Amino acid sequence: MQIDAFADKPFTGNPAAVCLPDTEPPADWMQRVAAEMNLSETAFAWPSGDGFGLRWFTPVDEVDLCGHATLAAAHALWETRRLGNDKPAIFQTRSGTLTARQNDQLIEMDFPAEPAAECAPPDDLAKPLGSEILWCGQNRMDILVQIANEQAICNLAPDLARLARLGTRGVIVTAISENGPADFVSRFFCPSLGIDEDPVTGSAHCCLAPFWAERIGCNELVGFQASRRGGFVRCTLAGDRVLLGGQAVTILSGKMIAPPPGT
């Protein structure tokens, strides 16, 4: 299935492929499928214990955490009736147990908070980013950078080849929102994983939510990721967890004719 996550209509938000095998496939097969799908993430979910195993792959590598593909996987389980609409989707992942529930019109996911610790900007970050840096921090996955304003976010045209050499998964760039319903805006660049710019990144909001909650003084926030496709992410900071809310739309579904080995 291909599903637009953090989207309320087709061709917006962040597209993810979702594969629902009966058992966990070999990792090399999953990586080949993700390369074939050539989307920012392909999620694989299979029955495991009281819930589902879940792994995420970009076209070039496996990742530890992905929000939009988790949202897409939960949506796929409910839509295909592998899971009742009143049941939570419980996933065992490389980032621990993740849970998704239907909450009115939204899918709400329970993720670990990933706050960034303040640090000096890496050498040459400002120049390839193309913007003055107001604040810089880093968590276990990404560099977080605050820049001047929303217009500066929209105008970013970074040197992606140089960002790919920073040694992190990606670079989150953010600013306070000045227009519309969002509290803050962001963009996310991760060329080291074969994704120049991710359209809407749930896992980045695990970092953005604690950052802006501290500065705005509110634990319930709305983020807008200002990519070309764009999408809103509702964030609720709850201690060391972040609740991420969004919608999803199925774009296409089908049957794979190259099944995992042994099936």
C-alpha atoms as a PDB file:
ATOM      1  CA  MET A   1       0.000   0.000   0.000  1.00  0.00           C
ATOM      2  CA  GLN A   2       1.044   3.592  -0.520  1.00  0.00           C
ATOM      3  CA  ILE A   3      -0.346   5.987   2.055  1.00  0.00           C
ATOM      4  CA  ASP A   4      -0.028   9.747   2.460  1.00  0.00           C
ATOM      5  CA  ALA A   5       0.610  10.384   6.153  1.00  0.00           C
ATOM      6  CA  PHE A   6      -0.031  13.646   8.004  1.00  0.00           C
ATOM      7  CA  ALA A   7      -2.447  14.402   5.176  1.00  0.00           C
ATOM      8  CA  ASP A   8      -6.196  14.980   4.937  1.00  0.00           C
ATOM      9  CA  LYS A   9      -6.314  14.736   1.138  1.00  0.00           C
ATOM     10  CA  PRO A  10      -4.342  12.855  -1.526  1.00  0.00           C
ATOM     11  CA  PHE A  11      -0.951  14.050  -2.742  1.00  0.00           C
ATOM     12  CA  THR A  12      -0.134  16.020   0.389  1.00  0.00           C
ATOM     13  CA  GLY A  13       1.735  15.109   3.558  1.00  0.00           C
ATOM     14  CA  ASN A  14       4.411  12.418   3.426  1.00  0.00           C
ATOM     15  CA  PRO A  15       3.985   9.270   1.316  1.00  0.00           C
ATOM     16  CA  ALA A  16       5.025   5.929   2.805  1.00  0.00           C
ATOM     17  CA  ALA A  17       4.864   2.417   1.462  1.00  0.00           C
ATOM     18  CA  VAL A  18       3.459  -0.209   3.853  1.00  0.00           C
ATOM     19  CA  CYS A  19       4.005  -3.957   3.474  1.00  0.00           C
ATOM     20  CA  LEU A  20       2.029  -6.356   5.699  1.00  0.00           C
ATOM     21  CA  PRO A  21       3.670  -9.811   5.523  1.00  0.00           C
ATOM     22  CA  ASP A  22       2.548 -12.738   7.682  1.00  0.00           C
ATOM     23  CA  THR A  23       5.975 -13.084   9.336  1.00  0.00           C
ATOM     24  CA  GLU A  24       9.122 -10.984   9.632  1.00  0.00           C
ATOM     25  CA  PRO A  25      10.948 -10.991   6.285  1.00  0.00           C
ATOM     26  CA  PRO A  26      14.747 -11.072   5.879  1.00  0.00           C
ATOM     27  CA  ALA A  27      16.317  -7.652   6.300  1.00  0.00           C
ATOM     28  CA  ASP A  28      18.033  -7.705   2.918  1.00  0.00           C
ATOM     29  CA  TRP A  29      14.686  -8.393   1.204  1.00  0.00           C
ATOM     30  CA  MET A  30      13.043  -5.508   3.071  1.00  0.00           C
ATOM     31  CA  GLN A  31      15.861  -3.202   2.019  1.00  0.00           C
ATOM     32  CA  ARG A  32      15.427  -4.229  -1.621  1.00  0.00           C
ATOM     33  CA  VAL A  33      11.700  -3.582  -1.455  1.00  0.00           C
ATOM     34  CA  ALA A  34      12.334  -0.142   0.069  1.00  0.00           C
ATOM     35  CA  ALA A  35      14.764   0.668  -2.742  1.00  0.00           C
ATOM     36  CA  GLU A  36      12.141  -0.472  -5.262  1.00  0.00           C
ATOM     37  CA  MET A  37       9.447   1.686  -3.669  1.00  0.00           C
ATOM     38  CA  ASN A  38      11.899   4.634  -3.649  1.00  0.00           C
ATOM     39  CA  LEU A  39       9.923   6.614  -1.068  1.00  0.00           C
ATOM     40  CA  SER A  40      11.420   8.275   1.988  1.00  0.00           C
ATOM     41  CA  GLU A  41      10.269   5.295   4.098  1.00  0.00           C
ATOM     42  CA  THR A  42       8.835   1.828   3.595  1.00  0.00           C
ATOM     43  CA  ALA A  43       7.306   0.210   6.692  1.00  0.00           C
ATOM     44  CA  PHE A  44       7.004  -3.536   7.284  1.00  0.00           C
ATOM     45  CA  ALA A  45       4.528  -4.735   9.943  1.00  0.00           C
ATOM     46  CA  TRP A  46       3.748  -8.352  10.827  1.00  0.00           C
ATOM     47  CA  PRO A  47       1.864 -10.077  13.693  1.00  0.00           C
ATOM     48  CA  SER A  48       4.064 -10.512  16.766  1.00  0.00           C
ATOM     49  CA  GLY A  49       2.853 -11.437  20.260  1.00  0.00           C
ATOM     50  CA  ASP A  50      -0.015  -9.173  21.303  1.00  0.00           C
ATOM     51  CA  GLY A  51       0.773  -6.660  18.574  1.00  0.00           C
ATOM     52  CA  PHE A  52       2.988  -6.231  15.548  1.00  0.00           C
ATOM     53  CA  GLY A  53       6.647  -6.068  14.734  1.00  0.00           C
ATOM     54  CA  LEU A  54       7.568  -2.932  12.808  1.00  0.00           C
ATOM     55  CA  ARG A  55      10.694  -1.913  10.894  1.00  0.00           C
ATOM     56  CA  TRP A  56      11.384   1.078   8.678  1.00  0.00           C
ATOM     57  CA  PHE A  57      13.688   1.373   5.667  1.00  0.00           C
ATOM     58  CA  THR A  58      14.703   4.285   3.469  1.00  0.00           C
ATOM     59  CA  PRO A  59      15.867   3.456  -0.065  1.00  0.00           C
ATOM     60  CA  VAL A  60      19.418   2.991   1.291  1.00  0.00           C
ATOM     61  CA  ASP A  61      19.265   2.033   4.986  1.00  0.00           C
ATOM     62  CA  GLU A  62      17.184   0.970   7.991  1.00  0.00           C
ATOM     63  CA  VAL A  63      16.284   3.686  10.521  1.00  0.00           C
ATOM     64  CA  ASP A  64      15.612   3.587  14.260  1.00  0.00           C
ATOM     65  CA  LEU A  65      12.450   5.693  14.308  1.00  0.00           C
ATOM     66  CA  CYS A  66       9.946   6.954  11.752  1.00  0.00           C
ATOM     67  CA  GLY A  67       6.722   8.752  12.586  1.00  0.00           C
ATOM     68  CA  HIS A  68       4.945   9.089   9.271  1.00  0.00           C
ATOM     69  CA  ALA A  69       5.514   5.438   8.277  1.00  0.00           C
ATOM     70  CA  THR A  70       4.248   4.312  11.706  1.00  0.00           C
ATOM     71  CA  LEU A  71       1.100   6.378  11.187  1.00  0.00           C
ATOM     72  CA  ALA A  72       0.754   4.851   7.712  1.00  0.00           C
ATOM     73  CA  ALA A  73       1.248   1.318   9.076  1.00  0.00           C
ATOM     74  CA  ALA A  74      -1.448   1.799  11.719  1.00  0.00           C
ATOM     75  CA  HIS A  75      -3.820   3.219   9.111  1.00  0.00           C
ATOM     76  CA  ALA A  76      -3.142   0.202   6.875  1.00  0.00           C
ATOM     77  CA  LEU A  77      -3.879  -2.279   9.678  1.00  0.00           C
ATOM     78  CA  TRP A  78      -7.251  -0.675  10.418  1.00  0.00           C
ATOM     79  CA  GLU A  79      -8.186  -0.207   6.768  1.00  0.00           C
ATOM     80  CA  THR A  80      -7.423  -3.839   5.856  1.00  0.00           C
ATOM     81  CA  ARG A  81      -9.275  -5.021   8.992  1.00  0.00           C
ATOM     82  CA  ARG A  82      -6.226  -6.791  10.351  1.00  0.00           C
ATOM     83  CA  LEU A  83      -7.011  -4.733  13.438  1.00  0.00           C
ATOM     84  CA  GLY A  84     -10.377  -3.566  14.725  1.00  0.00           C
ATOM     85  CA  ASN A  85     -11.022   0.181  14.610  1.00  0.00           C
ATOM     86  CA  ASP A  86     -11.475   0.234  18.388  1.00  0.00           C
ATOM     87  CA  LYS A  87      -8.143  -1.511  19.018  1.00  0.00           C
ATOM     88  CA  PRO A  88      -4.779   0.243  19.421  1.00  0.00           C
ATOM     89  CA  ALA A  89      -1.942  -0.655  17.090  1.00  0.00           C
ATOM     90  CA  ILE A  90       0.924  -1.801  19.322  1.00  0.00           C
ATOM     91  CA  PHE A  91       4.305  -2.007  17.591  1.00  0.00           C
ATOM     92  CA  GLN A  92       7.583  -3.500  18.781  1.00  0.00           C
ATOM     93  CA  THR A  93      10.407  -1.529  17.201  1.00  0.00           C
ATOM     94  CA  ARG A  94      14.062  -0.568  17.491  1.00  0.00           C
ATOM     95  CA  SER A  95      12.848   2.413  19.556  1.00  0.00           C
ATOM     96  CA  GLY A  96      10.820   0.298  21.973  1.00  0.00           C
ATOM     97  CA  THR A  97       7.051  -0.122  22.110  1.00  0.00           C
ATOM     98  CA  LEU A  98       5.098   2.408  20.064  1.00  0.00           C
ATOM     99  CA  THR A  99       1.309   2.722  20.204  1.00  0.00           C
ATOM    100  CA  ALA A 100      -1.155   4.302  17.787  1.00  0.00           C
ATOM    101  CA  ARG A 101      -4.852   4.925  18.470  1.00  0.00           C
ATOM    102  CA  GLN A 102      -7.721   6.448  16.584  1.00  0.00           C
ATOM    103  CA  ASN A 103      -8.803   9.687  18.256  1.00  0.00           C
ATOM    104  CA  ASP A 104     -11.755  11.259  16.443  1.00  0.00           C
ATOM    105  CA  GLN A 105     -10.400  12.212  13.003  1.00  0.00           C
ATOM    106  CA  LEU A 106      -6.766  11.784  13.996  1.00  0.00           C
ATOM    107  CA  ILE A 107      -4.397   8.899  14.472  1.00  0.00           C
ATOM    108  CA  GLU A 108      -2.489   9.606  17.679  1.00  0.00           C
ATOM    109  CA  MET A 109       0.893   7.959  18.223  1.00  0.00           C
ATOM    110  CA  ASP A 110       2.776   7.607  21.512  1.00  0.00           C
ATOM    111  CA  PHE A 111       6.498   8.143  20.841  1.00  0.00           C
ATOM    112  CA  PRO A 112       9.586   8.761  22.983  1.00  0.00           C
ATOM    113  CA  ALA A 113      10.619  12.393  23.342  1.00  0.00           C
ATOM    114  CA  GLU A 114      13.977  13.031  21.698  1.00  0.00           C
ATOM    115  CA  PRO A 115      15.121  16.398  23.101  1.00  0.00           C
ATOM    116  CA  ALA A 116      18.244  17.999  21.691  1.00  0.00           C
ATOM    117  CA  ALA A 117      21.091  19.031  23.978  1.00  0.00           C
ATOM    118  CA  GLU A 118      22.551  22.425  23.129  1.00  0.00           C
ATOM    119  CA  CYS A 119      25.898  22.302  21.388  1.00  0.00           C
ATOM    120  CA  ALA A 120      28.155  24.413  19.231  1.00  0.00           C
ATOM    121  CA  PRO A 121      27.181  24.256  15.562  1.00  0.00           C
ATOM    122  CA  PRO A 122      29.354  21.814  13.608  1.00  0.00           C
ATOM    123  CA  ASP A 123      32.048  23.435  11.516  1.00  0.00           C
ATOM    124  CA  ASP A 124      30.729  24.914   8.297  1.00  0.00           C
ATOM    125  CA  LEU A 125      27.071  24.218   9.124  1.00  0.00           C
ATOM    126  CA  ALA A 126      25.864  27.801   8.652  1.00  0.00           C
ATOM    127  CA  LYS A 127      27.392  28.149   5.195  1.00  0.00           C
ATOM    128  CA  PRO A 128      25.905  25.008   3.580  1.00  0.00           C
ATOM    129  CA  LEU A 129      22.634  25.665   5.390  1.00  0.00           C
ATOM    130  CA  GLY A 130      22.592  29.186   3.972  1.00  0.00           C
ATOM    131  CA  SER A 131      21.297  30.848   7.133  1.00  0.00           C
ATOM    132  CA  GLU A 132      22.472  32.388  10.372  1.00  0.00           C
ATOM    133  CA  ILE A 133      22.045  29.974  13.294  1.00  0.00           C
ATOM    134  CA  LEU A 134      20.316  31.267  16.440  1.00  0.00           C
ATOM    135  CA  TRP A 135      20.501  27.996  18.402  1.00  0.00           C
ATOM    136  CA  CYS A 136      21.942  24.559  17.750  1.00  0.00           C
ATOM    137  CA  GLY A 137      21.489  21.228  19.499  1.00  0.00           C
ATOM    138  CA  GLN A 138      21.742  17.528  18.825  1.00  0.00           C
ATOM    139  CA  ASN A 139      19.953  14.351  19.896  1.00  0.00           C
ATOM    140  CA  ARG A 140      20.814  10.726  19.158  1.00  0.00           C
ATOM    141  CA  MET A 141      19.684  11.075  15.553  1.00  0.00           C
ATOM    142  CA  ASP A 142      19.688  14.643  14.282  1.00  0.00           C
ATOM    143  CA  ILE A 143      21.013  18.169  14.532  1.00  0.00           C
ATOM    144  CA  LEU A 144      18.366  20.768  15.450  1.00  0.00           C
ATOM    145  CA  VAL A 145      18.863  24.352  14.286  1.00  0.00           C
ATOM    146  CA  GLN A 146      16.733  27.403  15.051  1.00  0.00           C
ATOM    147  CA  ILE A 147      16.899  30.228  12.517  1.00  0.00           C
ATOM    148  CA  ALA A 148      15.424  33.705  12.354  1.00  0.00           C
ATOM    149  CA  ASN A 149      11.862  33.367  11.108  1.00  0.00           C
ATOM    150  CA  GLU A 150       9.283  31.516   9.037  1.00  0.00           C
ATOM    151  CA  GLN A 151      10.268  33.246   5.799  1.00  0.00           C
ATOM    152  CA  ALA A 152      13.861  32.133   6.282  1.00  0.00           C
ATOM    153  CA  ILE A 153      12.607  28.551   6.659  1.00  0.00           C
ATOM    154  CA  CYS A 154      10.707  28.778   3.371  1.00  0.00           C
ATOM    155  CA  ASN A 155      13.712  30.309   1.581  1.00  0.00           C
ATOM    156  CA  LEU A 156      16.223  27.617   2.583  1.00  0.00           C
ATOM    157  CA  ALA A 157      18.146  26.038  -0.283  1.00  0.00           C
ATOM    158  CA  PRO A 158      20.968  24.191   1.508  1.00  0.00           C
ATOM    159  CA  ASP A 159      24.021  22.512   0.053  1.00  0.00           C
ATOM    160  CA  LEU A 160      22.778  18.942   0.488  1.00  0.00           C
ATOM    161  CA  ALA A 161      26.070  17.261  -0.405  1.00  0.00           C
ATOM    162  CA  ARG A 162      27.761  19.059   2.486  1.00  0.00           C
ATOM    163  CA  LEU A 163      24.924  18.328   4.906  1.00  0.00           C
ATOM    164  CA  ALA A 164      25.262  14.630   4.038  1.00  0.00           C
ATOM    165  CA  ARG A 165      28.804  14.663   5.465  1.00  0.00           C
ATOM    166  CA  LEU A 166      27.804  15.851   8.949  1.00  0.00           C
ATOM    167  CA  GLY A 167      27.610  12.317  10.365  1.00  0.00           C
ATOM    168  CA  THR A 168      24.013  12.536  11.616  1.00  0.00           C
ATOM    169  CA  ARG A 169      20.747  11.164  10.253  1.00  0.00           C
ATOM    170  CA  GLY A 170      19.633  14.644   9.283  1.00  0.00           C
ATOM    171  CA  VAL A 171      19.226  18.340  10.073  1.00  0.00           C
ATOM    172  CA  ILE A 172      15.988  19.786  11.476  1.00  0.00           C
ATOM    173  CA  VAL A 173      15.607  23.523  10.872  1.00  0.00           C
ATOM    174  CA  THR A 174      12.890  25.410  12.736  1.00  0.00           C
ATOM    175  CA  ALA A 175      11.455  28.822  13.571  1.00  0.00           C
ATOM    176  CA  ILE A 176       8.431  30.257  15.337  1.00  0.00           C
ATOM    177  CA  SER A 177       5.323  30.400  13.157  1.00  0.00           C
ATOM    178  CA  GLU A 178       4.107  33.848  12.176  1.00  0.00           C
ATOM    179  CA  ASN A 179       1.031  32.930  10.130  1.00  0.00           C
ATOM    180  CA  GLY A 180      -1.778  30.382  10.240  1.00  0.00           C
ATOM    181  CA  PRO A 181      -2.734  27.794  12.842  1.00  0.00           C
ATOM    182  CA  ALA A 182       0.738  26.384  13.579  1.00  0.00           C
ATOM    183  CA  ASP A 183       2.873  27.309  16.592  1.00  0.00           C
ATOM    184  CA  PHE A 184       6.166  26.557  14.833  1.00  0.00           C
ATOM    185  CA  VAL A 185       7.411  25.618  11.384  1.00  0.00           C
ATOM    186  CA  SER A 186      10.224  23.327  10.304  1.00  0.00           C
ATOM    187  CA  ARG A 187      11.969  21.555   7.453  1.00  0.00           C
ATOM    188  CA  PHE A 188      13.997  18.347   7.598  1.00  0.00           C
ATOM    189  CA  PHE A 189      16.954  17.423   5.399  1.00  0.00           C
ATOM    190  CA  CYS A 190      18.527  13.946   5.493  1.00  0.00           C
ATOM    191  CA  PRO A 191      20.592  13.436   2.313  1.00  0.00           C
ATOM    192  CA  SER A 192      22.835  10.919   4.078  1.00  0.00           C
ATOM    193  CA  LEU A 193      19.898   8.461   3.917  1.00  0.00           C
ATOM    194  CA  GLY A 194      19.044   9.156   0.299  1.00  0.00           C
ATOM    195  CA  ILE A 195      16.306  11.696   1.160  1.00  0.00           C
ATOM    196  CA  ASP A 196      17.170  15.265   0.221  1.00  0.00           C
ATOM    197  CA  GLU A 197      14.150  16.688   2.052  1.00  0.00           C
ATOM    198  CA  ASP A 198      11.519  14.696   3.907  1.00  0.00           C
ATOM    199  CA  PRO A 199       8.013  16.164   3.398  1.00  0.00           C
ATOM    200  CA  VAL A 200       6.605  15.664   6.949  1.00  0.00           C
ATOM    201  CA  THR A 201       8.693  13.958   9.629  1.00  0.00           C
ATOM    202  CA  GLY A 202       7.021  12.578  12.749  1.00  0.00           C
ATOM    203  CA  SER A 203      10.268  11.625  14.485  1.00  0.00           C
ATOM    204  CA  ALA A 204      11.620  15.167  14.017  1.00  0.00           C
ATOM    205  CA  HIS A 205       8.642  16.405  16.035  1.00  0.00           C
ATOM    206  CA  CYS A 206       9.793  14.218  18.931  1.00  0.00           C
ATOM    207  CA  CYS A 207      12.653  16.708  19.085  1.00  0.00           C
ATOM    208  CA  LEU A 208      10.706  19.812  18.070  1.00  0.00           C
ATOM    209  CA  ALA A 209       7.917  19.343  20.650  1.00  0.00           C
ATOM    210  CA  PRO A 210      10.128  19.567  23.779  1.00  0.00           C
ATOM    211  CA  PHE A 211      12.175  22.373  22.187  1.00  0.00           C
ATOM    212  CA  TRP A 212       9.177  24.614  21.504  1.00  0.00           C
ATOM    213  CA  ALA A 213       7.176  23.571  24.585  1.00  0.00           C
ATOM    214  CA  GLU A 214       9.947  25.015  26.752  1.00  0.00           C
ATOM    215  CA  ARG A 215      10.089  28.274  24.775  1.00  0.00           C
ATOM    216  CA  ILE A 216       6.370  28.829  24.205  1.00  0.00           C
ATOM    217  CA  GLY A 217       5.310  27.575  27.643  1.00  0.00           C
ATOM    218  CA  CYS A 218       2.679  25.137  26.385  1.00  0.00           C
ATOM    219  CA  ASN A 219       2.706  21.344  26.104  1.00  0.00           C
ATOM    220  CA  GLU A 220       0.087  21.210  23.336  1.00  0.00           C
ATOM    221  CA  LEU A 221       1.437  22.488  20.043  1.00  0.00           C
ATOM    222  CA  VAL A 222       0.856  22.330  16.308  1.00  0.00           C
ATOM    223  CA  GLY A 223       3.802  22.090  13.971  1.00  0.00           C
ATOM    224  CA  PHE A 224       3.775  22.730  10.249  1.00  0.00           C
ATOM    225  CA  GLN A 225       6.501  21.165   8.130  1.00  0.00           C
ATOM    226  CA  ALA A 226       6.965  23.637   5.302  1.00  0.00           C
ATOM    227  CA  SER A 227       8.088  21.305   2.526  1.00  0.00           C
ATOM    228  CA  ARG A 228       6.612  21.477  -0.965  1.00  0.00           C
ATOM    229  CA  ARG A 229       3.902  18.951   0.031  1.00  0.00           C
ATOM    230  CA  GLY A 230       3.576  20.241   3.595  1.00  0.00           C
ATOM    231  CA  GLY A 231       1.690  18.852   6.566  1.00  0.00           C
ATOM    232  CA  PHE A 232       0.539  19.571  10.118  1.00  0.00           C
ATOM    233  CA  VAL A 233       1.559  17.531  13.166  1.00  0.00           C
ATOM    234  CA  ARG A 234      -0.299  17.907  16.452  1.00  0.00           C
ATOM    235  CA  CYS A 235       2.105  17.466  19.365  1.00  0.00           C
ATOM    236  CA  THR A 236       1.427  16.893  23.055  1.00  0.00           C
ATOM    237  CA  LEU A 237       4.439  16.695  25.359  1.00  0.00           C
ATOM    238  CA  ALA A 238       3.778  14.214  28.185  1.00  0.00           C
ATOM    239  CA  GLY A 239       6.906  13.863  30.295  1.00  0.00           C
ATOM    240  CA  ASP A 240       9.412  11.793  28.370  1.00  0.00           C
ATOM    241  CA  ARG A 241       6.828  10.935  25.703  1.00  0.00           C
ATOM    242  CA  VAL A 242       5.328  12.881  22.803  1.00  0.00           C
ATOM    243  CA  LEU A 243       1.859  12.249  21.380  1.00  0.00           C
ATOM    244  CA  LEU A 244       1.860  12.917  17.642  1.00  0.00           C
ATOM    245  CA  GLY A 245      -1.441  13.314  15.815  1.00  0.00           C
ATOM    246  CA  GLY A 246      -2.255  13.338  12.130  1.00  0.00           C
ATOM    247  CA  GLN A 247      -4.464  11.919   9.405  1.00  0.00           C
ATOM    248  CA  ALA A 248      -3.719   9.480   6.572  1.00  0.00           C
ATOM    249  CA  VAL A 249      -5.073   8.795   3.084  1.00  0.00           C
ATOM    250  CA  THR A 250      -4.575   5.582   1.079  1.00  0.00           C
ATOM    251  CA  ILE A 251      -3.358   6.307  -2.456  1.00  0.00           C
ATOM    252  CA  LEU A 252      -3.033   2.786  -3.852  1.00  0.00           C
ATOM    253  CA  SER A 253      -2.922  -0.865  -2.793  1.00  0.00           C
ATOM    254  CA  GLY A 254      -1.923  -4.096  -4.455  1.00  0.00           C
ATOM    255  CA  LYS A 255      -0.261  -7.491  -4.128  1.00  0.00           C
ATOM    256  CA  MET A 256       3.473  -7.945  -4.356  1.00  0.00           C
ATOM    257  CA  ILE A 257       4.536 -10.590  -6.883  1.00  0.00           C
ATOM    258  CA  ALA A 258       8.003 -10.976  -5.350  1.00  0.00           C
ATOM    259  CA  PRO A 259       7.205 -12.416  -1.899  1.00  0.00           C
ATOM    260  CA  PRO A 260       9.797 -12.833   0.866  1.00  0.00           C
ATOM    261  CA  PRO A 261      11.965 -15.963   0.673  1.00  0.00           C
ATOM    262  CA  GLY A 262      10.309 -19.020   2.205  1.00  0.00           C
ATOM    263  CA  THR A 263       6.714 -17.907   1.607  1.00  0.00           C
END
